[in-house]
Amino acid sequence: MTYRDQLNHRFGQAIRDAVLKDVSQDRDVGRVMDTSPLRWTVMLLSLLIVSTPFCVAALGLVLIVVHHESVVAIGAGVLFVAVGYYLRTPKHKNTKATLRRPDAPKVFGVLDDICAQMNAPRIDGVHVLAEVNAYMAEYSKTERILGLGAPLWLGPRRAALAGA
């Protein structure tokens, strides 16, 4: 075992021990509200980033309404509204081939059990990918898709995932 492997093993063991300690003390670490200055700074920056398109468009509307006599102000206002519209978050649609519940009831049974244990919402579809990768995507408020790479499906735990 190399030195790097030993370090990784010790680090992983420390994380495992901390999680087991939290579980044995019935602490739900993921739900604790962190009130550190860093968290508040990150939340404020996130709010600023999300609200930027709306603020830019609102500035454009204010320019148009307040300075409606000036052609330059109206042009600048229209430009600001267009930039605000361009900056908004795009709505993505699920365009990939998706495995649905009727197609693989055993797989979705296993996934539903995992979701129930984690208190997570149910998965509505699965994308099977060519590369070694995994992801979770939410395409609308109701469509949650799990992406799994084909090499992960074909690995030694394939039977466990398929519920066989």
C-alpha atoms as a PDB file:
ATOM      1  CA  MET A   1       0.000   0.000   0.000  1.00  0.00           C
ATOM      2  CA  THR A   2       1.469   3.347  -1.061  1.00  0.00           C
ATOM      3  CA  TYR A   3       1.724   6.374   1.199  1.00  0.00           C
ATOM      4  CA  ARG A   4      -1.098   8.113  -0.703  1.00  0.00           C
ATOM      5  CA  ASP A   5      -3.330   5.064  -0.300  1.00  0.00           C
ATOM      6  CA  GLN A   6      -2.605   5.042   3.437  1.00  0.00           C
ATOM      7  CA  LEU A   7      -3.521   8.734   3.699  1.00  0.00           C
ATOM      8  CA  ASN A   8      -6.743   8.195   1.743  1.00  0.00           C
ATOM      9  CA  HIS A   9      -7.601   5.211   3.907  1.00  0.00           C
ATOM     10  CA  ARG A  10      -7.044   7.183   7.132  1.00  0.00           C
ATOM     11  CA  PHE A  11      -9.026  10.136   5.813  1.00  0.00           C
ATOM     12  CA  GLY A  12     -11.913   7.895   4.757  1.00  0.00           C
ATOM     13  CA  GLN A  13     -11.814   6.118   8.114  1.00  0.00           C
ATOM     14  CA  ALA A  14     -11.989   9.472   9.948  1.00  0.00           C
ATOM     15  CA  ILE A  15     -15.045  10.510   7.914  1.00  0.00           C
ATOM     16  CA  ARG A  16     -16.704   7.143   8.530  1.00  0.00           C
ATOM     17  CA  ASP A  17     -16.037   7.388  12.272  1.00  0.00           C
ATOM     18  CA  ALA A  18     -17.484  10.917  12.416  1.00  0.00           C
ATOM     19  CA  VAL A  19     -20.637   9.847  10.577  1.00  0.00           C
ATOM     20  CA  LEU A  20     -21.096   6.794  12.810  1.00  0.00           C
ATOM     21  CA  LYS A  21     -20.654   8.980  15.890  1.00  0.00           C
ATOM     22  CA  ASP A  22     -23.308  11.420  14.628  1.00  0.00           C
ATOM     23  CA  VAL A  23     -25.698   8.592  13.806  1.00  0.00           C
ATOM     24  CA  SER A  24     -25.193   6.954  17.202  1.00  0.00           C
ATOM     25  CA  GLN A  25     -26.013  10.282  18.879  1.00  0.00           C
ATOM     26  CA  ASP A  26     -29.124  10.732  16.676  1.00  0.00           C
ATOM     27  CA  ARG A  27     -27.769  13.935  15.179  1.00  0.00           C
ATOM     28  CA  ASP A  28     -28.983  14.887  11.745  1.00  0.00           C
ATOM     29  CA  VAL A  29     -25.954  16.871  10.623  1.00  0.00           C
ATOM     30  CA  GLY A  30     -27.361  17.730   7.217  1.00  0.00           C
ATOM     31  CA  ARG A  31     -30.277  19.666   8.677  1.00  0.00           C
ATOM     32  CA  VAL A  32     -28.396  21.888  11.141  1.00  0.00           C
ATOM     33  CA  MET A  33     -28.657  25.609  10.371  1.00  0.00           C
ATOM     34  CA  ASP A  34     -25.201  27.078  10.043  1.00  0.00           C
ATOM     35  CA  THR A  35     -25.080  30.736  11.098  1.00  0.00           C
ATOM     36  CA  SER A  36     -21.435  31.406  10.275  1.00  0.00           C
ATOM     37  CA  PRO A  37     -20.495  34.636   8.466  1.00  0.00           C
ATOM     38  CA  LEU A  38     -19.293  32.585   5.501  1.00  0.00           C
ATOM     39  CA  ARG A  39     -22.713  30.963   5.086  1.00  0.00           C
ATOM     40  CA  TRP A  40     -24.478  34.334   5.245  1.00  0.00           C
ATOM     41  CA  THR A  41     -22.026  35.761   2.694  1.00  0.00           C
ATOM     42  CA  VAL A  42     -22.616  32.840   0.323  1.00  0.00           C
ATOM     43  CA  MET A  43     -26.393  33.151   0.726  1.00  0.00           C
ATOM     44  CA  LEU A  44     -26.250  36.890   0.040  1.00  0.00           C
ATOM     45  CA  LEU A  45     -24.097  36.392  -3.063  1.00  0.00           C
ATOM     46  CA  SER A  46     -26.443  33.642  -4.293  1.00  0.00           C
ATOM     47  CA  LEU A  47     -29.438  35.938  -3.846  1.00  0.00           C
ATOM     48  CA  LEU A  48     -27.598  38.692  -5.697  1.00  0.00           C
ATOM     49  CA  ILE A  49     -26.754  36.393  -8.614  1.00  0.00           C
ATOM     50  CA  VAL A  50     -30.291  35.009  -8.886  1.00  0.00           C
ATOM     51  CA  SER A  51     -31.924  38.447  -8.671  1.00  0.00           C
ATOM     52  CA  THR A  52     -29.587  40.207 -11.145  1.00  0.00           C
ATOM     53  CA  PRO A  53     -31.712  39.595 -14.292  1.00  0.00           C
ATOM     54  CA  PHE A  54     -34.834  40.911 -12.575  1.00  0.00           C
ATOM     55  CA  CYS A  55     -33.022  43.981 -11.226  1.00  0.00           C
ATOM     56  CA  VAL A  56     -31.534  44.809 -14.638  1.00  0.00           C
ATOM     57  CA  ALA A  57     -34.944  44.465 -16.333  1.00  0.00           C
ATOM     58  CA  ALA A  58     -36.592  46.543 -13.577  1.00  0.00           C
ATOM     59  CA  LEU A  59     -33.954  49.260 -14.076  1.00  0.00           C
ATOM     60  CA  GLY A  60     -34.791  49.290 -17.768  1.00  0.00           C
ATOM     61  CA  LEU A  61     -38.506  49.656 -17.037  1.00  0.00           C
ATOM     62  CA  VAL A  62     -37.817  52.493 -14.602  1.00  0.00           C
ATOM     63  CA  LEU A  63     -35.729  54.274 -17.249  1.00  0.00           C
ATOM     64  CA  ILE A  64     -38.545  53.932 -19.771  1.00  0.00           C
ATOM     65  CA  VAL A  65     -41.258  55.128 -17.376  1.00  0.00           C
ATOM     66  CA  VAL A  66     -39.373  57.981 -15.706  1.00  0.00           C
ATOM     67  CA  HIS A  67     -37.657  59.388 -18.813  1.00  0.00           C
ATOM     68  CA  HIS A  68     -40.327  58.638 -21.405  1.00  0.00           C
ATOM     69  CA  GLU A  69     -39.650  61.924 -23.236  1.00  0.00           C
ATOM     70  CA  SER A  70     -36.048  61.034 -24.048  1.00  0.00           C
ATOM     71  CA  VAL A  71     -35.377  58.688 -26.956  1.00  0.00           C
ATOM     72  CA  VAL A  72     -31.935  57.849 -25.558  1.00  0.00           C
ATOM     73  CA  ALA A  73     -33.410  56.870 -22.175  1.00  0.00           C
ATOM     74  CA  ILE A  74     -36.078  54.730 -23.849  1.00  0.00           C
ATOM     75  CA  GLY A  75     -33.409  53.042 -25.973  1.00  0.00           C
ATOM     76  CA  ALA A  76     -31.252  52.407 -22.902  1.00  0.00           C
ATOM     77  CA  GLY A  77     -34.315  51.127 -21.035  1.00  0.00           C
ATOM     78  CA  VAL A  78     -35.189  48.713 -23.826  1.00  0.00           C
ATOM     79  CA  LEU A  79     -31.552  47.567 -23.889  1.00  0.00           C
ATOM     80  CA  PHE A  80     -31.620  46.943 -20.120  1.00  0.00           C
ATOM     81  CA  VAL A  81     -34.876  44.985 -20.387  1.00  0.00           C
ATOM     82  CA  ALA A  82     -33.374  42.881 -23.204  1.00  0.00           C
ATOM     83  CA  VAL A  83     -30.197  42.210 -21.190  1.00  0.00           C
ATOM     84  CA  GLY A  84     -32.305  41.244 -18.155  1.00  0.00           C
ATOM     85  CA  TYR A  85     -34.316  38.851 -20.311  1.00  0.00           C
ATOM     86  CA  TYR A  86     -31.102  37.361 -21.744  1.00  0.00           C
ATOM     87  CA  LEU A  87     -29.596  36.835 -18.260  1.00  0.00           C
ATOM     88  CA  ARG A  88     -32.536  34.902 -16.854  1.00  0.00           C
ATOM     89  CA  THR A  89     -32.122  31.224 -15.970  1.00  0.00           C
ATOM     90  CA  PRO A  90     -32.925  29.023 -18.961  1.00  0.00           C
ATOM     91  CA  LYS A  91     -35.602  26.373 -18.721  1.00  0.00           C
ATOM     92  CA  HIS A  92     -34.057  23.046 -19.700  1.00  0.00           C
ATOM     93  CA  LYS A  93     -36.147  20.239 -21.140  1.00  0.00           C
ATOM     94  CA  ASN A  94     -35.443  16.542 -20.953  1.00  0.00           C
ATOM     95  CA  THR A  95     -34.453  15.630 -24.506  1.00  0.00           C
ATOM     96  CA  LYS A  96     -32.520  12.407 -23.835  1.00  0.00           C
ATOM     97  CA  ALA A  97     -33.925   8.899 -24.039  1.00  0.00           C
ATOM     98  CA  THR A  98     -35.271   8.234 -20.554  1.00  0.00           C
ATOM     99  CA  LEU A  99     -35.939   4.926 -18.835  1.00  0.00           C
ATOM    100  CA  ARG A 100     -39.356   5.185 -17.129  1.00  0.00           C
ATOM    101  CA  ARG A 101     -41.108   3.163 -14.400  1.00  0.00           C
ATOM    102  CA  PRO A 102     -43.046   0.809 -16.698  1.00  0.00           C
ATOM    103  CA  ASP A 103     -39.810  -0.023 -18.536  1.00  0.00           C
ATOM    104  CA  ALA A 104     -37.862  -1.168 -15.447  1.00  0.00           C
ATOM    105  CA  PRO A 105     -40.064  -1.691 -12.369  1.00  0.00           C
ATOM    106  CA  LYS A 106     -37.361  -3.574 -10.409  1.00  0.00           C
ATOM    107  CA  VAL A 107     -34.808  -0.800 -10.868  1.00  0.00           C
ATOM    108  CA  PHE A 108     -37.311   1.823  -9.789  1.00  0.00           C
ATOM    109  CA  GLY A 109     -38.284  -0.339  -6.802  1.00  0.00           C
ATOM    110  CA  VAL A 110     -34.658  -0.282  -5.621  1.00  0.00           C
ATOM    111  CA  LEU A 111     -34.382   3.456  -6.332  1.00  0.00           C
ATOM    112  CA  ASP A 112     -37.635   4.121  -4.432  1.00  0.00           C
ATOM    113  CA  ASP A 113     -36.265   2.205  -1.421  1.00  0.00           C
ATOM    114  CA  ILE A 114     -33.086   4.285  -1.493  1.00  0.00           C
ATOM    115  CA  CYS A 115     -35.105   7.514  -1.779  1.00  0.00           C
ATOM    116  CA  ALA A 116     -37.324   6.457   1.134  1.00  0.00           C
ATOM    117  CA  GLN A 117     -34.303   5.733   3.334  1.00  0.00           C
ATOM    118  CA  MET A 118     -32.807   9.120   2.500  1.00  0.00           C
ATOM    119  CA  ASN A 119     -36.103  11.049   2.789  1.00  0.00           C
ATOM    120  CA  ALA A 120     -35.555  12.176  -0.797  1.00  0.00           C
ATOM    121  CA  PRO A 121     -38.185  12.719  -3.492  1.00  0.00           C
ATOM    122  CA  ARG A 122     -38.857   9.838  -5.880  1.00  0.00           C
ATOM    123  CA  ILE A 123     -36.986   9.575  -9.156  1.00  0.00           C
ATOM    124  CA  ASP A 124     -39.121   9.808 -12.292  1.00  0.00           C
ATOM    125  CA  GLY A 125     -36.643   8.588 -14.891  1.00  0.00           C
ATOM    126  CA  VAL A 126     -33.140   7.278 -15.537  1.00  0.00           C
ATOM    127  CA  HIS A 127     -30.668   8.273 -18.253  1.00  0.00           C
ATOM    128  CA  VAL A 128     -28.171   5.543 -19.132  1.00  0.00           C
ATOM    129  CA  LEU A 129     -24.926   7.173 -20.289  1.00  0.00           C
ATOM    130  CA  ALA A 130     -21.933   5.846 -22.206  1.00  0.00           C
ATOM    131  CA  GLU A 131     -19.314   7.373 -19.895  1.00  0.00           C
ATOM    132  CA  VAL A 132     -18.531   6.592 -16.252  1.00  0.00           C
ATOM    133  CA  ASN A 133     -20.606   9.275 -14.606  1.00  0.00           C
ATOM    134  CA  ALA A 134     -23.598   9.817 -12.369  1.00  0.00           C
ATOM    135  CA  TYR A 135     -25.827  12.840 -11.843  1.00  0.00           C
ATOM    136  CA  MET A 136     -29.215  13.990 -10.631  1.00  0.00           C
ATOM    137  CA  ALA A 137     -31.164  16.521 -12.708  1.00  0.00           C
ATOM    138  CA  GLU A 138     -34.449  18.285 -12.078  1.00  0.00           C
ATOM    139  CA  TYR A 139     -36.040  19.381 -15.350  1.00  0.00           C
ATOM    140  CA  SER A 140     -39.207  20.793 -13.848  1.00  0.00           C
ATOM    141  CA  LYS A 141     -40.710  20.942 -10.401  1.00  0.00           C
ATOM    142  CA  THR A 142     -41.990  17.391 -10.891  1.00  0.00           C
ATOM    143  CA  GLU A 143     -39.493  15.604 -13.160  1.00  0.00           C
ATOM    144  CA  ARG A 144     -36.381  14.265 -11.388  1.00  0.00           C
ATOM    145  CA  ILE A 145     -33.957  12.250 -13.515  1.00  0.00           C
ATOM    146  CA  LEU A 146     -31.047  10.113 -12.350  1.00  0.00           C
ATOM    147  CA  GLY A 147     -28.179   9.728 -14.825  1.00  0.00           C
ATOM    148  CA  LEU A 148     -25.975   6.636 -14.523  1.00  0.00           C
ATOM    149  CA  GLY A 149     -23.058   5.655 -16.734  1.00  0.00           C
ATOM    150  CA  ALA A 150     -23.314   2.274 -18.441  1.00  0.00           C
ATOM    151  CA  PRO A 151     -19.992   1.111 -16.924  1.00  0.00           C
ATOM    152  CA  LEU A 152     -21.552   1.663 -13.492  1.00  0.00           C
ATOM    153  CA  TRP A 153     -24.496  -0.548 -14.500  1.00  0.00           C
ATOM    154  CA  LEU A 154     -22.190  -3.276 -15.765  1.00  0.00           C
ATOM    155  CA  GLY A 155     -19.990  -3.338 -12.661  1.00  0.00           C
ATOM    156  CA  PRO A 156     -19.974  -6.032  -9.974  1.00  0.00           C
ATOM    157  CA  ARG A 157     -22.960  -4.517  -8.158  1.00  0.00           C
ATOM    158  CA  ARG A 158     -25.266  -4.715 -11.182  1.00  0.00           C
ATOM    159  CA  ALA A 159     -27.367  -7.468  -9.612  1.00  0.00           C
ATOM    160  CA  ALA A 160     -27.855  -5.423  -6.459  1.00  0.00           C
ATOM    161  CA  LEU A 161     -29.018  -2.370  -8.433  1.00  0.00           C
ATOM    162  CA  ALA A 162     -31.356  -4.428 -10.596  1.00  0.00           C
ATOM    163  CA  GLY A 163     -32.921  -5.949  -7.486  1.00  0.00           C
ATOM    164  CA  ALA A 164     -32.096  -9.515  -8.536  1.00  0.00           C
END
